[in-house]
C-alpha atoms as a PDB file:
ATOM      1  CA  MET A   1       0.002   0.151   0.001  1.00  0.00           C
ATOM      2  CA  THR A   2       1.110   3.604  -0.934  1.00  0.00           C
ATOM      3  CA  ARG A   3       0.724   6.236   1.446  1.00  0.00           C
ATOM      4  CA  PRO A   4      -0.185   9.438   0.623  1.00  0.00           C
ATOM      5  CA  SER A   5       1.921  12.465   0.167  1.00  0.00           C
ATOM      6  CA  THR A   6       1.005  16.455   1.510  1.00  0.00           C
ATOM      7  CA  ILE A   7      -0.669  18.448  -1.216  1.00  0.00           C
ATOM      8  CA  LEU A   8       0.133  21.933  -2.026  1.00  0.00           C
ATOM      9  CA  TRP A   9      -3.777  23.280  -2.126  1.00  0.00           C
ATOM     10  CA  LEU A  10      -3.309  26.877  -2.324  1.00  0.00           C
ATOM     11  CA  SER A  11      -0.060  29.198  -2.165  1.00  0.00           C
ATOM     12  CA  ASP A  12       0.667  31.499  -0.092  1.00  0.00           C
ATOM     13  CA  GLY A  13       0.688  34.054  -2.852  1.00  0.00           C
ATOM     14  CA  HIS A  14      -3.331  34.286  -2.492  1.00  0.00           C
ATOM     15  CA  GLY A  15      -2.603  36.159   0.747  1.00  0.00           C
ATOM     16  CA  GLN A  16      -5.924  36.574   2.597  1.00  0.00           C
ATOM     17  CA  TYR A  17      -8.118  34.911   0.260  1.00  0.00           C
ATOM     18  CA  ILE A  18      -6.731  31.365   0.956  1.00  0.00           C
ATOM     19  CA  PRO A  19      -9.672  30.608   3.436  1.00  0.00           C
ATOM     20  CA  GLN A  20     -11.867  31.866   0.532  1.00  0.00           C
ATOM     21  CA  LEU A  21     -10.574  29.947  -2.689  1.00  0.00           C
ATOM     22  CA  PHE A  22     -10.125  26.968  -0.023  1.00  0.00           C
ATOM     23  CA  ALA A  23     -13.974  26.930   0.313  1.00  0.00           C
ATOM     24  CA  LYS A  24     -14.966  27.137  -3.275  1.00  0.00           C
ATOM     25  CA  SER A  25     -12.747  24.474  -4.121  1.00  0.00           C
ATOM     26  CA  PHE A  26     -14.876  21.913  -2.746  1.00  0.00           C
ATOM     27  CA  GLN A  27     -17.936  21.637  -5.162  1.00  0.00           C
ATOM     28  CA  ASP A  28     -19.399  18.724  -2.652  1.00  0.00           C
ATOM     29  CA  ARG A  29     -18.733  19.887   0.552  1.00  0.00           C
ATOM     30  CA  ALA A  30     -20.830  17.327   2.127  1.00  0.00           C
ATOM     31  CA  LYS A  31     -19.109  14.615   0.340  1.00  0.00           C
ATOM     32  CA  ASN A  32     -15.451  15.565   0.313  1.00  0.00           C
ATOM     33  CA  VAL A  33     -15.160  17.493   3.909  1.00  0.00           C
ATOM     34  CA  GLU A  34     -16.485  16.666   7.222  1.00  0.00           C
ATOM     35  CA  GLY A  35     -16.001  18.884  10.840  1.00  0.00           C
ATOM     36  CA  VAL A  36     -16.969  22.437   8.778  1.00  0.00           C
ATOM     37  CA  SER A  37     -20.129  24.142  10.023  1.00  0.00           C
ATOM     38  CA  ASP A  38     -22.692  25.731   7.957  1.00  0.00           C
ATOM     39  CA  ASP A  39     -21.931  29.067   9.204  1.00  0.00           C
ATOM     40  CA  ASP A  40     -18.070  28.870   8.867  1.00  0.00           C
ATOM     41  CA  TRP A  41     -18.904  27.476   5.132  1.00  0.00           C
ATOM     42  CA  ALA A  42     -20.768  30.928   4.868  1.00  0.00           C
ATOM     43  CA  ALA A  43     -18.479  33.297   6.537  1.00  0.00           C
ATOM     44  CA  LEU A  44     -15.568  31.973   3.941  1.00  0.00           C
ATOM     45  CA  ASP A  45     -17.973  32.175   1.266  1.00  0.00           C
ATOM     46  CA  ALA A  46     -18.526  35.718   1.786  1.00  0.00           C
ATOM     47  CA  GLY A  47     -14.766  36.704   1.920  1.00  0.00           C
ATOM     48  CA  PRO A  48     -12.225  38.403   4.442  1.00  0.00           C
ATOM     49  CA  ASP A  49     -14.609  41.183   5.404  1.00  0.00           C
ATOM     50  CA  HIS A  50     -16.927  38.947   6.369  1.00  0.00           C
ATOM     51  CA  SER A  51     -16.596  39.550  10.666  1.00  0.00           C
ATOM     52  CA  GLU A  52     -16.521  35.787  11.171  1.00  0.00           C
ATOM     53  CA  TYR A  53     -14.244  34.943   8.132  1.00  0.00           C
ATOM     54  CA  TRP A  54     -10.714  34.530  10.418  1.00  0.00           C
ATOM     55  CA  ASP A  55     -12.689  32.465  13.325  1.00  0.00           C
ATOM     56  CA  ALA A  56     -14.122  30.352  10.269  1.00  0.00           C
ATOM     57  CA  TRP A  57     -11.167  29.513   9.241  1.00  0.00           C
ATOM     58  CA  SER A  58      -9.558  28.873  12.959  1.00  0.00           C
ATOM     59  CA  ASP A  59     -12.042  26.156  12.736  1.00  0.00           C
ATOM     60  CA  VAL A  60     -11.566  24.992   9.600  1.00  0.00           C
ATOM     61  CA  ILE A  61      -7.442  24.364  10.367  1.00  0.00           C
ATOM     62  CA  ASP A  62      -8.800  22.739  13.863  1.00  0.00           C
ATOM     63  CA  ASN A  63     -11.427  20.654  12.858  1.00  0.00           C
ATOM     64  CA  ALA A  64     -11.765  20.079   8.960  1.00  0.00           C
ATOM     65  CA  ILE A  65     -11.352  16.409   7.875  1.00  0.00           C
ATOM     66  CA  VAL A  66     -10.957  16.686   3.843  1.00  0.00           C
ATOM     67  CA  THR A  67     -11.526  13.405   1.730  1.00  0.00           C
ATOM     68  CA  ASP A  68     -10.081  12.847  -1.651  1.00  0.00           C
ATOM     69  CA  ASP A  69     -11.668  10.866  -4.360  1.00  0.00           C
ATOM     70  CA  ALA A  70      -9.495   7.648  -3.471  1.00  0.00           C
ATOM     71  CA  GLY A  71     -10.952   7.849   0.134  1.00  0.00           C
ATOM     72  CA  GLN A  72      -7.822   9.135   1.760  1.00  0.00           C
ATOM     73  CA  THR A  73      -8.023  11.611   4.600  1.00  0.00           C
ATOM     74  CA  PHE A  74      -6.759  14.781   5.044  1.00  0.00           C
ATOM     75  CA  ARG A  75      -6.258  17.614   7.756  1.00  0.00           C
ATOM     76  CA  VAL A  76      -5.651  21.323   6.361  1.00  0.00           C
ATOM     77  CA  TYR A  77      -2.532  22.957   7.658  1.00  0.00           C
ATOM     78  CA  GLN A  78      -1.448  26.566   6.575  1.00  0.00           C
ATOM     79  CA  ASP A  79       2.051  27.835   7.011  1.00  0.00           C
ATOM     80  CA  GLY A  80       2.132  30.460   4.795  1.00  0.00           C
ATOM     81  CA  ASP A  81       0.929  28.147   1.542  1.00  0.00           C
ATOM     82  CA  CYS A  82      -2.258  25.764   2.509  1.00  0.00           C
ATOM     83  CA  TRP A  83      -1.783  22.141   2.542  1.00  0.00           C
ATOM     84  CA  LEU A  84      -3.606  19.146   3.072  1.00  0.00           C
ATOM     85  CA  VAL A  85      -1.898  16.736   5.413  1.00  0.00           C
ATOM     86  CA  PRO A  86      -2.514  13.114   5.353  1.00  0.00           C
ATOM     87  CA  ILE A  87      -4.386  11.882   8.345  1.00  0.00           C
ATOM     88  CA  GLY A  88      -1.333   9.899  10.343  1.00  0.00           C
ATOM     89  CA  MET A  89       1.554  11.734   9.424  1.00  0.00           C
ATOM     90  CA  THR A  90       3.326  14.094  11.883  1.00  0.00           C
ATOM     91  CA  TRP A  91       5.939  17.053  12.101  1.00  0.00           C
ATOM     92  CA  ASP A  92       9.539  16.077  12.042  1.00  0.00           C
ATOM     93  CA  GLU A  93      11.398  19.282  13.965  1.00  0.00           C
ATOM     94  CA  GLU A  94      14.784  17.770  13.001  1.00  0.00           C
ATOM     95  CA  ALA A  95      14.067  17.334   9.116  1.00  0.00           C
ATOM     96  CA  ASP A  96      11.224  20.373   9.677  1.00  0.00           C
ATOM     97  CA  ALA A  97       8.693  18.386   7.473  1.00  0.00           C
ATOM     98  CA  TRP A  98       5.921  16.406   7.730  1.00  0.00           C
ATOM     99  CA  ARG A  99       6.872  12.519   7.778  1.00  0.00           C
ATOM    100  CA  TRP A 100       5.023   9.230   8.434  1.00  0.00           C
ATOM    101  CA  PRO A 101       6.090   8.062  11.984  1.00  0.00           C
ATOM    102  CA  HIS A 102       7.694   4.889  11.046  1.00  0.00           C
ATOM    103  CA  PRO A 103       8.567   3.261   7.370  1.00  0.00           C
ATOM    104  CA  LEU A 104       5.765   1.357   5.576  1.00  0.00           C
ATOM    105  CA  THR A 105       6.298  -2.081   5.310  1.00  0.00           C
ATOM    106  CA  THR A 106       5.322  -4.840   3.534  1.00  0.00           C
ATOM    107  CA  GLY A 107       5.326  -7.868   5.808  1.00  0.00           C
ATOM    108  CA  ALA A 108       2.117  -9.977   5.822  1.00  0.00           C
ATOM    109  CA  ASN A 109       0.872  -8.142   9.287  1.00  0.00           C
ATOM    110  CA  ASP A 110       1.369  -4.976   7.811  1.00  0.00           C
ATOM    111  CA  ASN A 111      -1.269  -2.526   9.669  1.00  0.00           C
ATOM    112  CA  ASP A 112      -0.681   0.533   7.306  1.00  0.00           C
END
């Protein structure tokens, strides 16, 4: 089994519009994104002038689970760029990168 990699979703060049573009990038929100309230979607759709825009984006970062068409699940991470990080990956301080916590093996008892 191949593990998914991080996905660069939106570059930091979009600036304050990253949350709004994130929201607009999902045609079928009910299918692809869990953990985001209707109120948060509405604030993101409205854009950065909405009074709850940044609070809604914070909720997305903290709670959203994105599922791709292959059934892989990701959380949202932003440090400048907006990334989708596969659930199960952890931040490796030494490498300054997202990494899988242990190597993928191909043994008969592999649970990855």
